Amino acid sequence: MQRVRCAMAEGKDGGLSAVRFLTVAEVATRMRVSKMTVYRLVHSGELEAVRVGRSFRVPEPAVDEYLRKSYFQTG
């Protein structure tokens, strides 16, 4: 298993204490996708995450960044 360092999730002081971490279910709800889709994004490296025991936690800024990068305008 590889470790993922979330540079954008680090606070001003370089620590993670100010960062809110979301569960896979919370990310799925926020993005309006299934939990399986979130797991695929994490495993592919498209969405940064931290492994805590047997589960994943996703830094809130990583979700916002993913959505911002994925957004496109039609027209």
PDB file of N, CA and C in Angstrom:
ATOM      1  N   MET A   1       0.846  -1.179   0.000  1.00  0.00           N
ATOM      2  CA  MET A   1       0.000   0.000   0.000  1.00  0.00           C
ATOM      3  C   MET A   1       0.885   1.232   0.000  1.00  0.00           C
ATOM      4  N   GLN A   2       0.569   2.181  -0.843  1.00  0.00           N
ATOM      5  CA  GLN A   2       1.380   3.379  -0.907  1.00  0.00           C
ATOM      6  C   GLN A   2       0.788   4.474  -0.043  1.00  0.00           C
ATOM      7  N   ARG A   3       1.655   5.333   0.466  1.00  0.00           N
ATOM      8  CA  ARG A   3       1.203   6.467   1.249  1.00  0.00           C
ATOM      9  C   ARG A   3       1.004   7.654   0.334  1.00  0.00           C
ATOM     10  N   VAL A   4       0.016   8.456   0.638  1.00  0.00           N
ATOM     11  CA  VAL A   4      -0.264   9.641  -0.160  1.00  0.00           C
ATOM     12  C   VAL A   4      -0.098  10.850   0.734  1.00  0.00           C
ATOM     13  N   ARG A   5       0.740  11.775   0.313  1.00  0.00           N
ATOM     14  CA  ARG A   5       0.944  13.002   1.070  1.00  0.00           C
ATOM     15  C   ARG A   5       0.045  14.065   0.476  1.00  0.00           C
ATOM     16  N   CYS A   6      -0.751  14.651   1.298  1.00  0.00           N
ATOM     17  CA  CYS A   6      -1.700  15.656   0.836  1.00  0.00           C
ATOM     18  C   CYS A   6      -1.148  17.044   1.118  1.00  0.00           C
ATOM     19  N   ALA A   7      -0.409  17.607   0.175  1.00  0.00           N
ATOM     20  CA  ALA A   7       0.208  18.908   0.359  1.00  0.00           C
ATOM     21  C   ALA A   7      -0.832  20.000   0.532  1.00  0.00           C
ATOM     22  N   MET A   8      -1.922  19.920  -0.219  1.00  0.00           N
ATOM     23  CA  MET A   8      -2.926  20.974  -0.132  1.00  0.00           C
ATOM     24  C   MET A   8      -3.694  20.918   1.172  1.00  0.00           C
ATOM     25  N   ALA A   9      -3.629  19.802   1.868  1.00  0.00           N
ATOM     26  CA  ALA A   9      -4.376  19.672   3.108  1.00  0.00           C
ATOM     27  C   ALA A   9      -3.605  20.189   4.318  1.00  0.00           C
ATOM     28  N   GLU A  10      -2.344  20.495   4.146  1.00  0.00           N
ATOM     29  CA  GLU A  10      -1.558  20.972   5.265  1.00  0.00           C
ATOM     30  C   GLU A  10      -1.941  22.398   5.596  1.00  0.00           C
ATOM     31  N   GLY A  11      -2.044  22.668   6.871  1.00  0.00           N
ATOM     32  CA  GLY A  11      -2.398  24.010   7.318  1.00  0.00           C
ATOM     33  C   GLY A  11      -1.248  24.973   7.102  1.00  0.00           C
ATOM     34  N   LYS A  12      -1.454  26.222   7.520  1.00  0.00           N
ATOM     35  CA  LYS A  12      -0.431  27.255   7.356  1.00  0.00           C
ATOM     36  C   LYS A  12       0.857  26.901   8.094  1.00  0.00           C
ATOM     37  N   ASP A  13       0.718  26.225   9.225  1.00  0.00           N
ATOM     38  CA  ASP A  13       1.884  25.859  10.015  1.00  0.00           C
ATOM     39  C   ASP A  13       2.494  24.537   9.557  1.00  0.00           C
ATOM     40  N   GLY A  14       1.984  23.958   8.478  1.00  0.00           N
ATOM     41  CA  GLY A  14       2.513  22.705   7.957  1.00  0.00           C
ATOM     42  C   GLY A  14       1.903  21.478   8.592  1.00  0.00           C
ATOM     43  N   GLY A  15       0.990  21.663   9.564  1.00  0.00           N
ATOM     44  CA  GLY A  15       0.373  20.531  10.239  1.00  0.00           C
ATOM     45  C   GLY A  15      -0.998  20.220   9.676  1.00  0.00           C
ATOM     46  N   LEU A  16      -1.531  19.099  10.092  1.00  0.00           N
ATOM     47  CA  LEU A  16      -2.843  18.674   9.610  1.00  0.00           C
ATOM     48  C   LEU A  16      -3.944  18.930  10.631  1.00  0.00           C
ATOM     49  N   SER A  17      -3.614  19.619  11.718  1.00  0.00           N
ATOM     50  CA  SER A  17      -4.585  19.780  12.802  1.00  0.00           C
ATOM     51  C   SER A  17      -5.808  20.594  12.404  1.00  0.00           C
ATOM     52  N   ALA A  18      -5.665  21.499  11.440  1.00  0.00           N
ATOM     53  CA  ALA A  18      -6.784  22.351  11.051  1.00  0.00           C
ATOM     54  C   ALA A  18      -7.606  21.758   9.910  1.00  0.00           C
ATOM     55  N   VAL A  19      -7.184  20.624   9.386  1.00  0.00           N
ATOM     56  CA  VAL A  19      -7.850  20.032   8.227  1.00  0.00           C
ATOM     57  C   VAL A  19      -8.982  19.130   8.680  1.00  0.00           C
ATOM     58  N   ARG A  20     -10.115  19.225   7.991  1.00  0.00           N
ATOM     59  CA  ARG A  20     -11.244  18.337   8.265  1.00  0.00           C
ATOM     60  C   ARG A  20     -11.154  17.152   7.320  1.00  0.00           C
ATOM     61  N   PHE A  21     -11.210  15.957   7.869  1.00  0.00           N
ATOM     62  CA  PHE A  21     -11.172  14.741   7.069  1.00  0.00           C
ATOM     63  C   PHE A  21     -12.575  14.165   6.956  1.00  0.00           C
ATOM     64  N   LEU A  22     -12.931  13.728   5.745  1.00  0.00           N
ATOM     65  CA  LEU A  22     -14.249  13.185   5.470  1.00  0.00           C
ATOM     66  C   LEU A  22     -14.166  11.674   5.263  1.00  0.00           C
ATOM     67  N   THR A  23     -15.221  10.972   5.639  1.00  0.00           N
ATOM     68  CA  THR A  23     -15.297   9.545   5.357  1.00  0.00           C
ATOM     69  C   THR A  23     -15.660   9.359   3.886  1.00  0.00           C
ATOM     70  N   VAL A  24     -15.504   8.151   3.408  1.00  0.00           N
ATOM     71  CA  VAL A  24     -15.879   7.837   2.024  1.00  0.00           C
ATOM     72  C   VAL A  24     -17.365   8.113   1.814  1.00  0.00           C
ATOM     73  N   ALA A  25     -18.195   7.772   2.782  1.00  0.00           N
ATOM     74  CA  ALA A  25     -19.637   8.015   2.671  1.00  0.00           C
ATOM     75  C   ALA A  25     -19.937   9.513   2.584  1.00  0.00           C
ATOM     76  N   GLU A  26     -19.239  10.320   3.376  1.00  0.00           N
ATOM     77  CA  GLU A  26     -19.445  11.769   3.333  1.00  0.00           C
ATOM     78  C   GLU A  26     -19.020  12.350   1.986  1.00  0.00           C
ATOM     79  N   VAL A  27     -17.902  11.859   1.458  1.00  0.00           N
ATOM     80  CA  VAL A  27     -17.438  12.319   0.143  1.00  0.00           C
ATOM     81  C   VAL A  27     -18.453  11.932  -0.928  1.00  0.00           C
ATOM     82  N   ALA A  28     -18.951  10.705  -0.871  1.00  0.00           N
ATOM     83  CA  ALA A  28     -19.932  10.238  -1.848  1.00  0.00           C
ATOM     84  C   ALA A  28     -21.193  11.100  -1.810  1.00  0.00           C
ATOM     85  N   THR A  29     -21.647  11.434  -0.620  1.00  0.00           N
ATOM     86  CA  THR A  29     -22.827  12.287  -0.484  1.00  0.00           C
ATOM     87  C   THR A  29     -22.564  13.667  -1.055  1.00  0.00           C
ATOM     88  N   ARG A  30     -21.423  14.228  -0.732  1.00  0.00           N
ATOM     89  CA  ARG A  30     -21.082  15.571  -1.205  1.00  0.00           C
ATOM     90  C   ARG A  30     -20.970  15.612  -2.729  1.00  0.00           C
ATOM     91  N   MET A  31     -20.385  14.560  -3.311  1.00  0.00           N
ATOM     92  CA  MET A  31     -20.181  14.524  -4.761  1.00  0.00           C
ATOM     93  C   MET A  31     -21.383  13.937  -5.505  1.00  0.00           C
ATOM     94  N   ARG A  32     -22.337  13.386  -4.746  1.00  0.00           N
ATOM     95  CA  ARG A  32     -23.519  12.725  -5.323  1.00  0.00           C
ATOM     96  C   ARG A  32     -23.151  11.575  -6.243  1.00  0.00           C
ATOM     97  N   VAL A  33     -22.256  10.732  -5.727  1.00  0.00           N
ATOM     98  CA  VAL A  33     -21.843   9.509  -6.421  1.00  0.00           C
ATOM     99  C   VAL A  33     -21.906   8.369  -5.415  1.00  0.00           C
ATOM    100  N   SER A  34     -21.648   7.159  -5.876  1.00  0.00           N
ATOM    101  CA  SER A  34     -21.658   6.014  -4.964  1.00  0.00           C
ATOM    102  C   SER A  34     -20.341   5.940  -4.197  1.00  0.00           C
ATOM    103  N   LYS A  35     -20.364   5.187  -3.103  1.00  0.00           N
ATOM    104  CA  LYS A  35     -19.134   4.981  -2.342  1.00  0.00           C
ATOM    105  C   LYS A  35     -18.100   4.252  -3.189  1.00  0.00           C
ATOM    106  N   MET A  36     -18.547   3.330  -4.046  1.00  0.00           N
ATOM    107  CA  MET A  36     -17.633   2.594  -4.913  1.00  0.00           C
ATOM    108  C   MET A  36     -16.884   3.553  -5.843  1.00  0.00           C
ATOM    109  N   THR A  37     -17.558   4.581  -6.338  1.00  0.00           N
ATOM    110  CA  THR A  37     -16.907   5.570  -7.194  1.00  0.00           C
ATOM    111  C   THR A  37     -15.812   6.298  -6.424  1.00  0.00           C
ATOM    112  N   VAL A  38     -16.083   6.635  -5.170  1.00  0.00           N
ATOM    113  CA  VAL A  38     -15.072   7.300  -4.341  1.00  0.00           C
ATOM    114  C   VAL A  38     -13.886   6.365  -4.124  1.00  0.00           C
ATOM    115  N   TYR A  39     -14.148   5.097  -3.823  1.00  0.00           N
ATOM    116  CA  TYR A  39     -13.050   4.137  -3.651  1.00  0.00           C
ATOM    117  C   TYR A  39     -12.220   4.030  -4.926  1.00  0.00           C
ATOM    118  N   ARG A  40     -12.864   4.019  -6.085  1.00  0.00           N
ATOM    119  CA  ARG A  40     -12.121   3.952  -7.353  1.00  0.00           C
ATOM    120  C   ARG A  40     -11.228   5.177  -7.532  1.00  0.00           C
ATOM    121  N   LEU A  41     -11.757   6.351  -7.204  1.00  0.00           N
ATOM    122  CA  LEU A  41     -10.974   7.577  -7.323  1.00  0.00           C
ATOM    123  C   LEU A  41      -9.774   7.559  -6.383  1.00  0.00           C
ATOM    124  N   VAL A  42      -9.968   7.055  -5.184  1.00  0.00           N
ATOM    125  CA  VAL A  42      -8.872   6.972  -4.213  1.00  0.00           C
ATOM    126  C   VAL A  42      -7.817   5.975  -4.689  1.00  0.00           C
ATOM    127  N   HIS A  43      -8.238   4.789  -5.101  1.00  0.00           N
ATOM    128  CA  HIS A  43      -7.294   3.753  -5.528  1.00  0.00           C
ATOM    129  C   HIS A  43      -6.545   4.126  -6.804  1.00  0.00           C
ATOM    130  N   SER A  44      -7.181   4.912  -7.669  1.00  0.00           N
ATOM    131  CA  SER A  44      -6.512   5.333  -8.903  1.00  0.00           C
ATOM    132  C   SER A  44      -5.574   6.515  -8.676  1.00  0.00           C
ATOM    133  N   GLY A  45      -5.671   7.157  -7.512  1.00  0.00           N
ATOM    134  CA  GLY A  45      -4.822   8.296  -7.218  1.00  0.00           C
ATOM    135  C   GLY A  45      -5.411   9.630  -7.651  1.00  0.00           C
ATOM    136  N   GLU A  46      -6.614   9.608  -8.193  1.00  0.00           N
ATOM    137  CA  GLU A  46      -7.255  10.851  -8.631  1.00  0.00           C
ATOM    138  C   GLU A  46      -7.742  11.686  -7.450  1.00  0.00           C
ATOM    139  N   LEU A  47      -8.026  11.031  -6.334  1.00  0.00           N
ATOM    140  CA  LEU A  47      -8.495  11.716  -5.128  1.00  0.00           C
ATOM    141  C   LEU A  47      -7.573  11.327  -3.988  1.00  0.00           C
ATOM    142  N   GLU A  48      -6.979  12.330  -3.368  1.00  0.00           N
ATOM    143  CA  GLU A  48      -6.038  12.066  -2.272  1.00  0.00           C
ATOM    144  C   GLU A  48      -6.778  11.551  -1.048  1.00  0.00           C
ATOM    145  N   ALA A  49      -6.132  10.647  -0.329  1.00  0.00           N
ATOM    146  CA  ALA A  49      -6.744  10.082   0.871  1.00  0.00           C
ATOM    147  C   ALA A  49      -5.667   9.584   1.814  1.00  0.00           C
ATOM    148  N   VAL A  50      -6.069   9.423   3.057  1.00  0.00           N
ATOM    149  CA  VAL A  50      -5.197   8.884   4.094  1.00  0.00           C
ATOM    150  C   VAL A  50      -5.835   7.604   4.590  1.00  0.00           C
ATOM    151  N   ARG A  51      -5.021   6.584   4.737  1.00  0.00           N
ATOM    152  CA  ARG A  51      -5.557   5.315   5.242  1.00  0.00           C
ATOM    153  C   ARG A  51      -5.477   5.327   6.764  1.00  0.00           C
ATOM    154  N   VAL A  52      -6.611   5.067   7.406  1.00  0.00           N
ATOM    155  CA  VAL A  52      -6.686   4.993   8.863  1.00  0.00           C
ATOM    156  C   VAL A  52      -7.222   3.621   9.199  1.00  0.00           C
ATOM    157  N   GLY A  53      -6.338   2.757   9.635  1.00  0.00           N
ATOM    158  CA  GLY A  53      -6.745   1.372   9.870  1.00  0.00           C
ATOM    159  C   GLY A  53      -7.150   0.732   8.563  1.00  0.00           C
ATOM    160  N   ARG A  54      -8.385   0.261   8.495  1.00  0.00           N
ATOM    161  CA  ARG A  54      -8.889  -0.375   7.273  1.00  0.00           C
ATOM    162  C   ARG A  54      -9.751   0.567   6.433  1.00  0.00           C
ATOM    163  N   SER A  55      -9.873   1.806   6.868  1.00  0.00           N
ATOM    164  CA  SER A  55     -10.724   2.752   6.142  1.00  0.00           C
ATOM    165  C   SER A  55      -9.903   3.920   5.606  1.00  0.00           C
ATOM    166  N   PHE A  56     -10.529   4.727   4.781  1.00  0.00           N
ATOM    167  CA  PHE A  56      -9.884   5.894   4.206  1.00  0.00           C
ATOM    168  C   PHE A  56     -10.545   7.153   4.733  1.00  0.00           C
ATOM    169  N   ARG A  57      -9.745   8.208   4.856  1.00  0.00           N
ATOM    170  CA  ARG A  57     -10.254   9.536   5.174  1.00  0.00           C
ATOM    171  C   ARG A  57      -9.724  10.467   4.098  1.00  0.00           C
ATOM    172  N   VAL A  58     -10.597  11.314   3.604  1.00  0.00           N
ATOM    173  CA  VAL A  58     -10.241  12.221   2.513  1.00  0.00           C
ATOM    174  C   VAL A  58     -10.222  13.646   3.050  1.00  0.00           C
ATOM    175  N   PRO A  59      -9.112  14.359   2.881  1.00  0.00           N
ATOM    176  CA  PRO A  59      -9.069  15.752   3.332  1.00  0.00           C
ATOM    177  C   PRO A  59     -10.091  16.582   2.556  1.00  0.00           C
ATOM    178  N   GLU A  60     -10.833  17.402   3.254  1.00  0.00           N
ATOM    179  CA  GLU A  60     -11.867  18.216   2.616  1.00  0.00           C
ATOM    180  C   GLU A  60     -11.314  19.060   1.467  1.00  0.00           C
ATOM    181  N   PRO A  61     -10.122  19.676   1.607  1.00  0.00           N
ATOM    182  CA  PRO A  61      -9.584  20.446   0.479  1.00  0.00           C
ATOM    183  C   PRO A  61      -9.312  19.583  -0.762  1.00  0.00           C
ATOM    184  N   ALA A  62      -9.030  18.298  -0.571  1.00  0.00           N
ATOM    185  CA  ALA A  62      -8.782  17.409  -1.710  1.00  0.00           C
ATOM    186  C   ALA A  62     -10.062  17.192  -2.513  1.00  0.00           C
ATOM    187  N   VAL A  63     -11.200  17.112  -1.819  1.00  0.00           N
ATOM    188  CA  VAL A  63     -12.484  16.955  -2.508  1.00  0.00           C
ATOM    189  C   VAL A  63     -12.791  18.214  -3.303  1.00  0.00           C
ATOM    190  N   ASP A  64     -12.599  19.371  -2.663  1.00  0.00           N
ATOM    191  CA  ASP A  64     -12.851  20.646  -3.346  1.00  0.00           C
ATOM    192  C   ASP A  64     -11.948  20.795  -4.569  1.00  0.00           C
ATOM    193  N   GLU A  65     -10.674  20.421  -4.431  1.00  0.00           N
ATOM    194  CA  GLU A  65      -9.725  20.513  -5.538  1.00  0.00           C
ATOM    195  C   GLU A  65     -10.102  19.573  -6.676  1.00  0.00           C
ATOM    196  N   TYR A  66     -10.497  18.357  -6.345  1.00  0.00           N
ATOM    197  CA  TYR A  66     -10.908  17.398  -7.371  1.00  0.00           C
ATOM    198  C   TYR A  66     -12.109  17.926  -8.156  1.00  0.00           C
ATOM    199  N   LEU A  67     -13.098  18.442  -7.441  1.00  0.00           N
ATOM    200  CA  LEU A  67     -14.287  18.969  -8.100  1.00  0.00           C
ATOM    201  C   LEU A  67     -13.960  20.193  -8.955  1.00  0.00           C
ATOM    202  N   ARG A  68     -13.066  21.046  -8.447  1.00  0.00           N
ATOM    203  CA  ARG A  68     -12.675  22.228  -9.215  1.00  0.00           C
ATOM    204  C   ARG A  68     -11.974  21.846 -10.494  1.00  0.00           C
ATOM    205  N   LYS A  69     -11.089  20.843 -10.433  1.00  0.00           N
ATOM    206  CA  LYS A  69     -10.361  20.385 -11.624  1.00  0.00           C
ATOM    207  C   LYS A  69     -11.293  19.678 -12.601  1.00  0.00           C
ATOM    208  N   SER A  70     -12.322  19.035 -12.102  1.00  0.00           N
ATOM    209  CA  SER A  70     -13.231  18.258 -12.935  1.00  0.00           C
ATOM    210  C   SER A  70     -14.315  19.109 -13.576  1.00  0.00           C
ATOM    211  N   TYR A  71     -14.492  20.308 -13.094  1.00  0.00           N
ATOM    212  CA  TYR A  71     -15.564  21.166 -13.578  1.00  0.00           C
ATOM    213  C   TYR A  71     -15.238  21.694 -14.978  1.00  0.00           C
ATOM    214  N   PHE A  72     -16.227  21.686 -15.842  1.00  0.00           N
ATOM    215  CA  PHE A  72     -16.058  22.301 -17.155  1.00  0.00           C
ATOM    216  C   PHE A  72     -17.369  22.970 -17.546  1.00  0.00           C
ATOM    217  N   GLN A  73     -17.244  24.003 -18.356  1.00  0.00           N
ATOM    218  CA  GLN A  73     -18.441  24.726 -18.797  1.00  0.00           C
ATOM    219  C   GLN A  73     -18.856  24.262 -20.169  1.00  0.00           C
ATOM    220  N   THR A  74     -20.142  24.163 -20.333  1.00  0.00           N
ATOM    221  CA  THR A  74     -20.675  23.798 -21.636  1.00  0.00           C
ATOM    222  C   THR A  74     -21.055  25.069 -22.387  1.00  0.00           C
ATOM    223  N   GLY A  75     -21.207  24.932 -23.653  1.00  0.00           N
ATOM    224  CA  GLY A  75     -21.733  26.065 -24.351  1.00  0.00           C
ATOM    225  C   GLY A  75     -20.920  26.503 -25.457  1.00  0.00           C
TER     226      GLY A  75
END
